[in-house]
Amino acid sequence: LIIGIAIPLLAAAVLLGFFKDDVTGRKSYGILYFAISFFALTFFFGDDRPHLVFYPLMVLAWSDGLATVVGYGFGKRKFDFSPEGKTLEGGLTFFLVTFVILAFSAQVMPQLTEAIDLRWAFFIAVFLAVLELLSIRSFDKLWVPAALAYWLILSEAGGFLVYGPAIPAL
């Protein structure tokens, strides 16, 4: 409810120019898209399938955030297809952090009862890293959590989620 109320306020703040990219000067919609993703995931899955909220938001917060820091701070190899100057170093950071979150969160968070098989975690991490590299204008804040929720729903159907605190199989 709180985030649902905040979405119109964030939209107004972005449209009025309170959130701008310092480098390009364009309005930054990332904070609004993050809130929309959080609201949608919580609304649809929050009560009965919290792992469909946890994993996408952790990936969005940690992987995307660290990829941005590494890309801007240490990125040397820019991709030609990206108008936003995304880098190989940022993309690899996104992949690695995503893989770690998907593969090992269940081992460090006892309340998380759904662990992801390591092979499936690797596949999803590769897919999401490519998706993030191809996303422009902060749309990755919408596409990445939606795609991850989709893959996790498929994981449930395909038996790639391991229930319980056991380390996922190789």
N, C-alpha and C. Protein backbone atom coordinates (compact mmCIF):
# COMPACT_ATOMS: atom_id res chain seq x y z
N LEU A 1 0.83 -1.20 0.00
CA LEU A 1 0.00 0.00 0.00
C LEU A 1 0.88 1.26 0.00
N ILE A 2 1.90 1.25 0.83
CA ILE A 2 2.77 2.42 0.93
C ILE A 2 3.49 2.68 -0.39
N ILE A 3 4.03 1.63 -0.98
CA ILE A 3 4.74 1.82 -2.25
C ILE A 3 3.76 2.18 -3.37
N GLY A 4 2.54 1.65 -3.30
CA GLY A 4 1.52 2.01 -4.28
C GLY A 4 1.18 3.49 -4.22
N ILE A 5 1.16 4.03 -3.03
CA ILE A 5 0.90 5.47 -2.85
C ILE A 5 2.11 6.28 -3.32
N ALA A 6 3.30 5.73 -3.12
CA ALA A 6 4.52 6.46 -3.47
C ALA A 6 4.74 6.55 -4.98
N ILE A 7 4.20 5.60 -5.74
CA ILE A 7 4.46 5.58 -7.18
C ILE A 7 4.03 6.88 -7.88
N PRO A 8 2.82 7.39 -7.66
CA PRO A 8 2.47 8.67 -8.31
C PRO A 8 3.35 9.82 -7.84
N LEU A 9 3.76 9.79 -6.58
CA LEU A 9 4.65 10.84 -6.08
C LEU A 9 6.02 10.77 -6.75
N LEU A 10 6.54 9.55 -6.91
CA LEU A 10 7.82 9.38 -7.60
C LEU A 10 7.71 9.79 -9.06
N ALA A 11 6.59 9.44 -9.70
CA ALA A 11 6.38 9.82 -11.10
C ALA A 11 6.40 11.34 -11.24
N ALA A 12 5.72 12.02 -10.35
CA ALA A 12 5.71 13.49 -10.39
C ALA A 12 7.10 14.05 -10.15
N ALA A 13 7.83 13.47 -9.20
CA ALA A 13 9.18 13.96 -8.90
C ALA A 13 10.11 13.76 -10.11
N VAL A 14 10.00 12.63 -10.78
CA VAL A 14 10.83 12.39 -11.96
C VAL A 14 10.45 13.35 -13.08
N LEU A 15 9.16 13.49 -13.34
CA LEU A 15 8.71 14.38 -14.41
C LEU A 15 9.08 15.84 -14.15
N LEU A 16 9.11 16.22 -12.87
CA LEU A 16 9.49 17.59 -12.53
C LEU A 16 11.00 17.80 -12.51
N GLY A 17 11.75 16.73 -12.73
CA GLY A 17 13.20 16.86 -12.84
C GLY A 17 13.98 16.72 -11.55
N PHE A 18 13.37 16.16 -10.50
CA PHE A 18 14.10 15.98 -9.25
C PHE A 18 15.14 14.87 -9.33
N PHE A 19 14.94 13.93 -10.23
CA PHE A 19 15.89 12.84 -10.42
C PHE A 19 16.47 12.92 -11.82
N LYS A 20 17.73 13.31 -11.90
CA LYS A 20 18.40 13.44 -13.19
C LYS A 20 19.72 12.69 -13.16
N ASP A 21 20.11 12.19 -14.32
CA ASP A 21 21.40 11.56 -14.48
C ASP A 21 22.44 12.67 -14.57
N ASP A 22 23.41 12.66 -13.66
CA ASP A 22 24.42 13.72 -13.64
C ASP A 22 25.26 13.77 -14.90
N VAL A 23 25.50 12.62 -15.50
CA VAL A 23 26.35 12.56 -16.68
C VAL A 23 25.63 13.08 -17.92
N THR A 24 24.42 12.62 -18.17
CA THR A 24 23.71 12.98 -19.40
C THR A 24 22.74 14.14 -19.22
N GLY A 25 22.31 14.39 -17.99
CA GLY A 25 21.35 15.44 -17.74
C GLY A 25 19.91 15.05 -18.02
N ARG A 26 19.67 13.81 -18.45
CA ARG A 26 18.30 13.38 -18.73
C ARG A 26 17.62 12.91 -17.44
N LYS A 27 16.30 12.92 -17.47
CA LYS A 27 15.53 12.47 -16.31
C LYS A 27 15.79 10.99 -16.07
N SER A 28 15.95 10.63 -14.82
CA SER A 28 16.24 9.25 -14.46
C SER A 28 14.97 8.58 -13.94
N TYR A 29 14.47 7.65 -14.73
CA TYR A 29 13.24 6.95 -14.37
C TYR A 29 13.49 5.70 -13.53
N GLY A 30 14.75 5.39 -13.26
CA GLY A 30 15.10 4.16 -12.55
C GLY A 30 14.39 4.01 -11.22
N ILE A 31 14.33 5.06 -10.43
CA ILE A 31 13.70 4.98 -9.11
C ILE A 31 12.20 4.69 -9.25
N LEU A 32 11.57 5.25 -10.26
CA LEU A 32 10.15 5.00 -10.49
C LEU A 32 9.93 3.56 -10.95
N TYR A 33 10.75 3.08 -11.88
CA TYR A 33 10.61 1.71 -12.37
C TYR A 33 10.89 0.69 -11.28
N PHE A 34 11.84 0.99 -10.40
CA PHE A 34 12.12 0.10 -9.27
C PHE A 34 10.88 -0.01 -8.38
N ALA A 35 10.26 1.12 -8.09
CA ALA A 35 9.06 1.12 -7.25
C ALA A 35 7.91 0.36 -7.91
N ILE A 36 7.76 0.52 -9.22
CA ILE A 36 6.71 -0.21 -9.94
C ILE A 36 6.97 -1.71 -9.88
N SER A 37 8.21 -2.11 -10.07
CA SER A 37 8.56 -3.53 -9.99
C SER A 37 8.30 -4.08 -8.59
N PHE A 38 8.71 -3.34 -7.59
CA PHE A 38 8.50 -3.77 -6.21
C PHE A 38 7.00 -3.92 -5.92
N PHE A 39 6.22 -2.94 -6.33
CA PHE A 39 4.78 -3.00 -6.10
C PHE A 39 4.15 -4.18 -6.82
N ALA A 40 4.48 -4.37 -8.08
CA ALA A 40 3.88 -5.46 -8.87
C ALA A 40 4.24 -6.82 -8.28
N LEU A 41 5.52 -7.03 -7.96
CA LEU A 41 5.93 -8.31 -7.39
C LEU A 41 5.26 -8.57 -6.05
N THR A 42 5.21 -7.57 -5.21
CA THR A 42 4.58 -7.73 -3.89
C THR A 42 3.08 -7.97 -4.03
N PHE A 43 2.46 -7.25 -4.93
CA PHE A 43 1.01 -7.39 -5.13
C PHE A 43 0.65 -8.79 -5.62
N PHE A 44 1.40 -9.29 -6.59
CA PHE A 44 1.06 -10.58 -7.20
C PHE A 44 1.59 -11.78 -6.43
N PHE A 45 2.75 -11.65 -5.78
CA PHE A 45 3.39 -12.83 -5.19
C PHE A 45 3.73 -12.70 -3.71
N GLY A 46 3.57 -11.56 -3.12
CA GLY A 46 4.08 -11.31 -1.78
C GLY A 46 3.54 -12.21 -0.69
N ASP A 47 2.29 -12.59 -0.77
CA ASP A 47 1.69 -13.36 0.32
C ASP A 47 2.05 -14.84 0.27
N ASP A 48 1.92 -15.46 -0.88
CA ASP A 48 2.08 -16.92 -0.93
C ASP A 48 3.37 -17.39 -1.58
N ARG A 49 4.11 -16.52 -2.26
CA ARG A 49 5.36 -16.92 -2.92
C ARG A 49 6.42 -15.83 -2.74
N PRO A 50 6.87 -15.63 -1.52
CA PRO A 50 7.79 -14.51 -1.26
C PRO A 50 9.13 -14.61 -1.99
N HIS A 51 9.54 -15.81 -2.38
CA HIS A 51 10.79 -15.93 -3.13
C HIS A 51 10.70 -15.24 -4.49
N LEU A 52 9.47 -15.09 -5.02
CA LEU A 52 9.29 -14.39 -6.29
C LEU A 52 9.38 -12.88 -6.12
N VAL A 53 9.43 -12.43 -4.88
CA VAL A 53 9.69 -11.03 -4.59
C VAL A 53 11.16 -10.86 -4.18
N PHE A 54 11.62 -11.75 -3.31
CA PHE A 54 12.98 -11.65 -2.77
C PHE A 54 14.05 -11.69 -3.86
N TYR A 55 14.07 -12.75 -4.64
CA TYR A 55 15.14 -12.91 -5.64
C TYR A 55 15.18 -11.75 -6.66
N PRO A 56 14.05 -11.38 -7.27
CA PRO A 56 14.13 -10.26 -8.23
C PRO A 56 14.59 -8.94 -7.62
N LEU A 57 14.13 -8.65 -6.40
CA LEU A 57 14.52 -7.38 -5.80
C LEU A 57 15.97 -7.40 -5.34
N MET A 58 16.45 -8.54 -4.87
CA MET A 58 17.87 -8.64 -4.49
C MET A 58 18.76 -8.47 -5.72
N VAL A 59 18.38 -9.10 -6.82
CA VAL A 59 19.16 -8.96 -8.05
C VAL A 59 19.13 -7.52 -8.53
N LEU A 60 17.97 -6.92 -8.49
CA LEU A 60 17.85 -5.54 -8.95
C LEU A 60 18.68 -4.60 -8.08
N ALA A 61 18.60 -4.77 -6.77
CA ALA A 61 19.31 -3.87 -5.87
C ALA A 61 20.83 -4.10 -5.92
N TRP A 62 21.26 -5.34 -5.74
CA TRP A 62 22.68 -5.63 -5.64
C TRP A 62 23.38 -5.71 -7.00
N SER A 63 22.85 -6.52 -7.89
CA SER A 63 23.54 -6.73 -9.17
C SER A 63 23.56 -5.46 -10.00
N ASP A 64 22.41 -4.83 -10.14
CA ASP A 64 22.35 -3.62 -10.95
C ASP A 64 23.15 -2.49 -10.30
N GLY A 65 23.03 -2.36 -9.00
CA GLY A 65 23.76 -1.31 -8.30
C GLY A 65 25.26 -1.48 -8.40
N LEU A 66 25.75 -2.69 -8.12
CA LEU A 66 27.20 -2.93 -8.20
C LEU A 66 27.71 -2.87 -9.63
N ALA A 67 26.91 -3.32 -10.59
CA ALA A 67 27.32 -3.22 -11.99
C ALA A 67 27.50 -1.76 -12.40
N THR A 68 26.63 -0.90 -11.92
CA THR A 68 26.75 0.53 -12.22
C THR A 68 28.01 1.11 -11.61
N VAL A 69 28.27 0.77 -10.35
CA VAL A 69 29.46 1.28 -9.67
C VAL A 69 30.73 0.80 -10.38
N VAL A 70 30.80 -0.48 -10.68
CA VAL A 70 31.98 -1.03 -11.36
C VAL A 70 32.10 -0.48 -12.77
N GLY A 71 30.98 -0.41 -13.48
CA GLY A 71 31.01 0.11 -14.85
C GLY A 71 31.50 1.53 -14.93
N TYR A 72 30.98 2.41 -14.06
CA TYR A 72 31.42 3.80 -14.08
C TYR A 72 32.81 3.97 -13.51
N GLY A 73 33.12 3.22 -12.47
CA GLY A 73 34.40 3.39 -11.80
C GLY A 73 35.58 2.71 -12.46
N PHE A 74 35.34 1.52 -13.02
CA PHE A 74 36.45 0.72 -13.53
C PHE A 74 36.27 0.27 -14.97
N GLY A 75 35.12 0.56 -15.55
CA GLY A 75 34.83 0.08 -16.90
C GLY A 75 35.71 0.71 -17.95
N LYS A 76 36.39 -0.13 -18.69
CA LYS A 76 37.27 0.33 -19.76
C LYS A 76 36.76 -0.07 -21.13
N ARG A 77 36.08 -1.21 -21.21
CA ARG A 77 35.63 -1.75 -22.49
C ARG A 77 34.13 -1.51 -22.66
N LYS A 78 33.79 -0.47 -23.41
CA LYS A 78 32.38 -0.13 -23.63
C LYS A 78 31.83 -0.92 -24.81
N PHE A 79 30.56 -1.28 -24.67
CA PHE A 79 29.89 -1.97 -25.77
C PHE A 79 29.42 -0.95 -26.79
N ASP A 80 29.68 -1.21 -28.06
CA ASP A 80 29.31 -0.29 -29.13
C ASP A 80 27.80 -0.16 -29.29
N PHE A 81 27.06 -1.22 -28.99
CA PHE A 81 25.62 -1.20 -29.21
C PHE A 81 24.86 -0.46 -28.12
N SER A 82 25.52 -0.09 -27.05
CA SER A 82 24.83 0.54 -25.93
C SER A 82 24.97 2.06 -25.98
N PRO A 83 23.87 2.77 -26.17
CA PRO A 83 23.95 4.23 -26.18
C PRO A 83 24.25 4.80 -24.79
N GLU A 84 24.11 3.97 -23.76
CA GLU A 84 24.34 4.44 -22.40
C GLU A 84 25.75 4.14 -21.91
N GLY A 85 26.59 3.58 -22.77
CA GLY A 85 27.98 3.34 -22.39
C GLY A 85 28.16 2.20 -21.41
N LYS A 86 27.36 1.15 -21.54
CA LYS A 86 27.53 -0.01 -20.65
C LYS A 86 28.84 -0.70 -20.98
N THR A 87 29.46 -1.27 -19.94
CA THR A 87 30.79 -1.83 -20.09
C THR A 87 30.82 -3.33 -19.83
N LEU A 88 31.86 -3.96 -20.33
CA LEU A 88 32.07 -5.38 -20.10
C LEU A 88 32.25 -5.64 -18.61
N GLU A 89 32.99 -4.79 -17.94
CA GLU A 89 33.23 -4.96 -16.51
C GLU A 89 31.94 -4.87 -15.71
N GLY A 90 31.07 -3.94 -16.07
CA GLY A 90 29.77 -3.83 -15.41
C GLY A 90 28.90 -5.03 -15.69
N GLY A 91 28.90 -5.50 -16.94
CA GLY A 91 28.11 -6.67 -17.31
C GLY A 91 28.57 -7.92 -16.59
N LEU A 92 29.89 -8.11 -16.48
CA LEU A 92 30.42 -9.27 -15.75
C LEU A 92 30.10 -9.19 -14.27
N THR A 93 30.13 -7.98 -13.72
CA THR A 93 29.75 -7.80 -12.32
C THR A 93 28.29 -8.16 -12.12
N PHE A 94 27.44 -7.70 -13.02
CA PHE A 94 26.02 -8.03 -12.92
C PHE A 94 25.83 -9.55 -12.94
N PHE A 95 26.49 -10.23 -13.88
CA PHE A 95 26.38 -11.68 -13.98
C PHE A 95 26.85 -12.35 -12.69
N LEU A 96 28.02 -12.01 -12.21
CA LEU A 96 28.59 -12.68 -11.04
C LEU A 96 27.74 -12.47 -9.79
N VAL A 97 27.33 -11.25 -9.54
CA VAL A 97 26.52 -10.97 -8.35
C VAL A 97 25.16 -11.67 -8.46
N THR A 98 24.58 -11.67 -9.65
CA THR A 98 23.30 -12.36 -9.85
C THR A 98 23.45 -13.84 -9.57
N PHE A 99 24.50 -14.44 -10.10
CA PHE A 99 24.72 -15.87 -9.87
C PHE A 99 24.86 -16.16 -8.38
N VAL A 100 25.64 -15.37 -7.68
CA VAL A 100 25.84 -15.59 -6.24
C VAL A 100 24.51 -15.46 -5.49
N ILE A 101 23.72 -14.46 -5.82
CA ILE A 101 22.42 -14.28 -5.16
C ILE A 101 21.52 -15.48 -5.42
N LEU A 102 21.42 -15.89 -6.67
CA LEU A 102 20.52 -16.99 -7.01
C LEU A 102 20.99 -18.31 -6.44
N ALA A 103 22.27 -18.55 -6.46
CA ALA A 103 22.79 -19.86 -6.07
C ALA A 103 22.95 -20.03 -4.56
N PHE A 104 23.19 -18.94 -3.83
CA PHE A 104 23.59 -19.10 -2.44
C PHE A 104 22.76 -18.35 -1.40
N SER A 105 21.76 -17.61 -1.81
CA SER A 105 20.94 -16.87 -0.83
C SER A 105 20.26 -17.79 0.17
N ALA A 106 19.81 -18.94 -0.29
CA ALA A 106 19.10 -19.86 0.60
C ALA A 106 20.01 -20.40 1.70
N GLN A 107 21.32 -20.41 1.47
CA GLN A 107 22.24 -20.92 2.49
C GLN A 107 22.49 -19.90 3.60
N VAL A 108 22.37 -18.63 3.29
CA VAL A 108 22.64 -17.60 4.29
C VAL A 108 21.38 -16.98 4.88
N MET A 109 20.24 -17.29 4.31
CA MET A 109 18.97 -16.76 4.82
C MET A 109 18.05 -17.93 5.15
N PRO A 110 18.01 -18.33 6.41
CA PRO A 110 17.22 -19.51 6.78
C PRO A 110 15.72 -19.38 6.51
N GLN A 111 15.20 -18.18 6.47
CA GLN A 111 13.77 -18.01 6.20
C GLN A 111 13.43 -18.20 4.72
N LEU A 112 14.44 -18.23 3.87
CA LEU A 112 14.24 -18.46 2.43
C LEU A 112 14.28 -19.97 2.20
N THR A 113 13.16 -20.55 1.91
CA THR A 113 13.07 -22.01 1.81
C THR A 113 13.25 -22.52 0.40
N GLU A 114 13.38 -21.65 -0.58
CA GLU A 114 13.55 -22.05 -1.98
C GLU A 114 14.96 -21.74 -2.45
N ALA A 115 15.73 -22.78 -2.69
CA ALA A 115 17.07 -22.63 -3.25
C ALA A 115 16.99 -22.96 -4.74
N ILE A 116 17.91 -22.42 -5.50
CA ILE A 116 17.91 -22.62 -6.95
C ILE A 116 19.09 -23.51 -7.33
N ASP A 117 18.82 -24.48 -8.15
CA ASP A 117 19.84 -25.38 -8.68
C ASP A 117 20.96 -24.55 -9.34
N LEU A 118 22.22 -24.94 -9.13
CA LEU A 118 23.35 -24.16 -9.63
C LEU A 118 23.35 -24.00 -11.15
N ARG A 119 23.01 -25.04 -11.87
CA ARG A 119 22.96 -24.93 -13.34
C ARG A 119 21.90 -23.92 -13.77
N TRP A 120 20.75 -23.98 -13.14
CA TRP A 120 19.66 -23.06 -13.45
C TRP A 120 20.03 -21.64 -13.06
N ALA A 121 20.70 -21.49 -11.91
CA ALA A 121 21.16 -20.17 -11.46
C ALA A 121 22.14 -19.58 -12.47
N PHE A 122 23.04 -20.40 -13.01
CA PHE A 122 24.00 -19.94 -14.02
C PHE A 122 23.27 -19.49 -15.28
N PHE A 123 22.35 -20.31 -15.76
CA PHE A 123 21.59 -19.96 -16.97
C PHE A 123 20.83 -18.65 -16.78
N ILE A 124 20.12 -18.54 -15.67
CA ILE A 124 19.33 -17.33 -15.41
C ILE A 124 20.25 -16.12 -15.30
N ALA A 125 21.39 -16.26 -14.64
CA ALA A 125 22.32 -15.14 -14.48
C ALA A 125 22.84 -14.66 -15.83
N VAL A 126 23.16 -15.59 -16.73
CA VAL A 126 23.61 -15.21 -18.07
C VAL A 126 22.49 -14.48 -18.80
N PHE A 127 21.29 -15.04 -18.77
CA PHE A 127 20.15 -14.42 -19.44
C PHE A 127 19.91 -13.00 -18.92
N LEU A 128 19.89 -12.84 -17.60
CA LEU A 128 19.61 -11.53 -17.02
C LEU A 128 20.73 -10.53 -17.31
N ALA A 129 21.98 -10.99 -17.34
CA ALA A 129 23.09 -10.09 -17.65
C ALA A 129 22.98 -9.56 -19.08
N VAL A 130 22.62 -10.43 -20.01
CA VAL A 130 22.44 -10.00 -21.40
C VAL A 130 21.25 -9.04 -21.49
N LEU A 131 20.16 -9.36 -20.81
CA LEU A 131 18.99 -8.50 -20.81
C LEU A 131 19.33 -7.12 -20.25
N GLU A 132 20.10 -7.09 -19.18
CA GLU A 132 20.49 -5.82 -18.58
C GLU A 132 21.37 -5.02 -19.54
N LEU A 133 22.28 -5.69 -20.23
CA LEU A 133 23.14 -4.99 -21.18
C LEU A 133 22.36 -4.39 -22.34
N LEU A 134 21.28 -5.06 -22.74
CA LEU A 134 20.50 -4.59 -23.88
C LEU A 134 19.45 -3.55 -23.49
N SER A 135 19.17 -3.41 -22.21
CA SER A 135 18.14 -2.47 -21.75
C SER A 135 18.68 -1.04 -21.76
N ILE A 136 17.83 -0.13 -22.17
CA ILE A 136 18.21 1.28 -22.18
C ILE A 136 17.20 2.07 -21.37
N ARG A 137 17.61 3.26 -21.00
CA ARG A 137 16.75 4.22 -20.30
C ARG A 137 16.11 3.66 -19.04
N SER A 138 16.88 2.92 -18.28
CA SER A 138 16.45 2.38 -16.99
C SER A 138 15.35 1.34 -17.08
N PHE A 139 15.02 0.86 -18.28
CA PHE A 139 13.99 -0.15 -18.40
C PHE A 139 14.42 -1.49 -17.79
N ASP A 140 15.72 -1.65 -17.52
CA ASP A 140 16.16 -2.87 -16.86
C ASP A 140 15.52 -3.02 -15.49
N LYS A 141 15.10 -1.92 -14.88
CA LYS A 141 14.43 -1.97 -13.57
C LYS A 141 13.05 -2.63 -13.68
N LEU A 142 12.52 -2.69 -14.89
CA LEU A 142 11.25 -3.39 -15.13
C LEU A 142 11.49 -4.78 -15.69
N TRP A 143 12.38 -4.87 -16.70
CA TRP A 143 12.57 -6.14 -17.41
C TRP A 143 13.27 -7.20 -16.58
N VAL A 144 14.30 -6.81 -15.83
CA VAL A 144 15.06 -7.80 -15.06
C VAL A 144 14.21 -8.48 -14.00
N PRO A 145 13.49 -7.74 -13.15
CA PRO A 145 12.66 -8.44 -12.16
C PRO A 145 11.53 -9.25 -12.79
N ALA A 146 10.94 -8.74 -13.87
CA ALA A 146 9.87 -9.48 -14.53
C ALA A 146 10.41 -10.77 -15.14
N ALA A 147 11.57 -10.70 -15.80
CA ALA A 147 12.17 -11.88 -16.40
C ALA A 147 12.59 -12.88 -15.33
N LEU A 148 13.13 -12.40 -14.23
CA LEU A 148 13.55 -13.32 -13.17
C LEU A 148 12.33 -14.01 -12.54
N ALA A 149 11.27 -13.27 -12.31
CA ALA A 149 10.05 -13.90 -11.77
C ALA A 149 9.54 -14.95 -12.74
N TYR A 150 9.58 -14.66 -14.02
CA TYR A 150 9.16 -15.62 -15.05
C TYR A 150 10.00 -16.89 -14.97
N TRP A 151 11.33 -16.74 -14.95
CA TRP A 151 12.21 -17.91 -14.90
C TRP A 151 12.03 -18.69 -13.61
N LEU A 152 11.75 -18.00 -12.50
CA LEU A 152 11.54 -18.71 -11.24
C LEU A 152 10.22 -19.48 -11.25
N ILE A 153 9.22 -18.93 -11.90
CA ILE A 153 7.96 -19.67 -12.04
C ILE A 153 8.20 -20.92 -12.89
N LEU A 154 8.98 -20.80 -13.95
CA LEU A 154 9.34 -21.97 -14.75
C LEU A 154 10.18 -22.95 -13.93
N SER A 155 11.03 -22.40 -13.06
CA SER A 155 11.86 -23.26 -12.20
C SER A 155 11.00 -24.14 -11.31
N GLU A 156 9.95 -23.57 -10.77
CA GLU A 156 9.03 -24.35 -9.93
C GLU A 156 8.41 -25.48 -10.73
N ALA A 157 7.98 -25.17 -11.93
CA ALA A 157 7.33 -26.18 -12.77
C ALA A 157 8.31 -27.24 -13.22
N GLY A 158 9.56 -26.86 -13.45
CA GLY A 158 10.56 -27.79 -13.97
C GLY A 158 11.38 -28.50 -12.93
N GLY A 159 11.15 -28.21 -11.65
CA GLY A 159 11.88 -28.88 -10.60
C GLY A 159 13.28 -28.35 -10.36
N PHE A 160 13.55 -27.11 -10.77
CA PHE A 160 14.88 -26.53 -10.56
C PHE A 160 14.98 -25.76 -9.25
N LEU A 161 13.89 -25.71 -8.49
CA LEU A 161 13.95 -25.13 -7.16
C LEU A 161 14.07 -26.27 -6.18
N VAL A 162 14.99 -26.11 -5.24
CA VAL A 162 15.20 -27.11 -4.20
C VAL A 162 14.60 -26.54 -2.93
N TYR A 163 13.65 -27.23 -2.35
CA TYR A 163 13.01 -26.72 -1.13
C TYR A 163 13.77 -27.20 0.09
N GLY A 164 14.09 -26.27 0.94
CA GLY A 164 14.87 -26.57 2.13
C GLY A 164 16.22 -25.89 2.07
N PRO A 165 16.97 -25.94 3.15
CA PRO A 165 18.24 -25.22 3.21
C PRO A 165 19.41 -25.94 2.56
N ALA A 166 19.18 -27.05 1.87
CA ALA A 166 20.27 -27.81 1.28
C ALA A 166 20.96 -27.00 0.18
N ILE A 167 22.26 -27.23 0.02
CA ILE A 167 23.02 -26.59 -1.05
C ILE A 167 22.55 -27.17 -2.38
N PRO A 168 22.23 -26.32 -3.36
CA PRO A 168 21.75 -26.83 -4.64
C PRO A 168 22.76 -27.75 -5.29
N ALA A 169 22.29 -28.73 -5.99
CA ALA A 169 23.14 -29.73 -6.63
C ALA A 169 23.88 -29.16 -7.83
N LEU A 170 25.05 -29.70 -8.09
CA LEU A 170 25.79 -29.35 -9.29
C LEU A 170 25.26 -30.21 -10.40
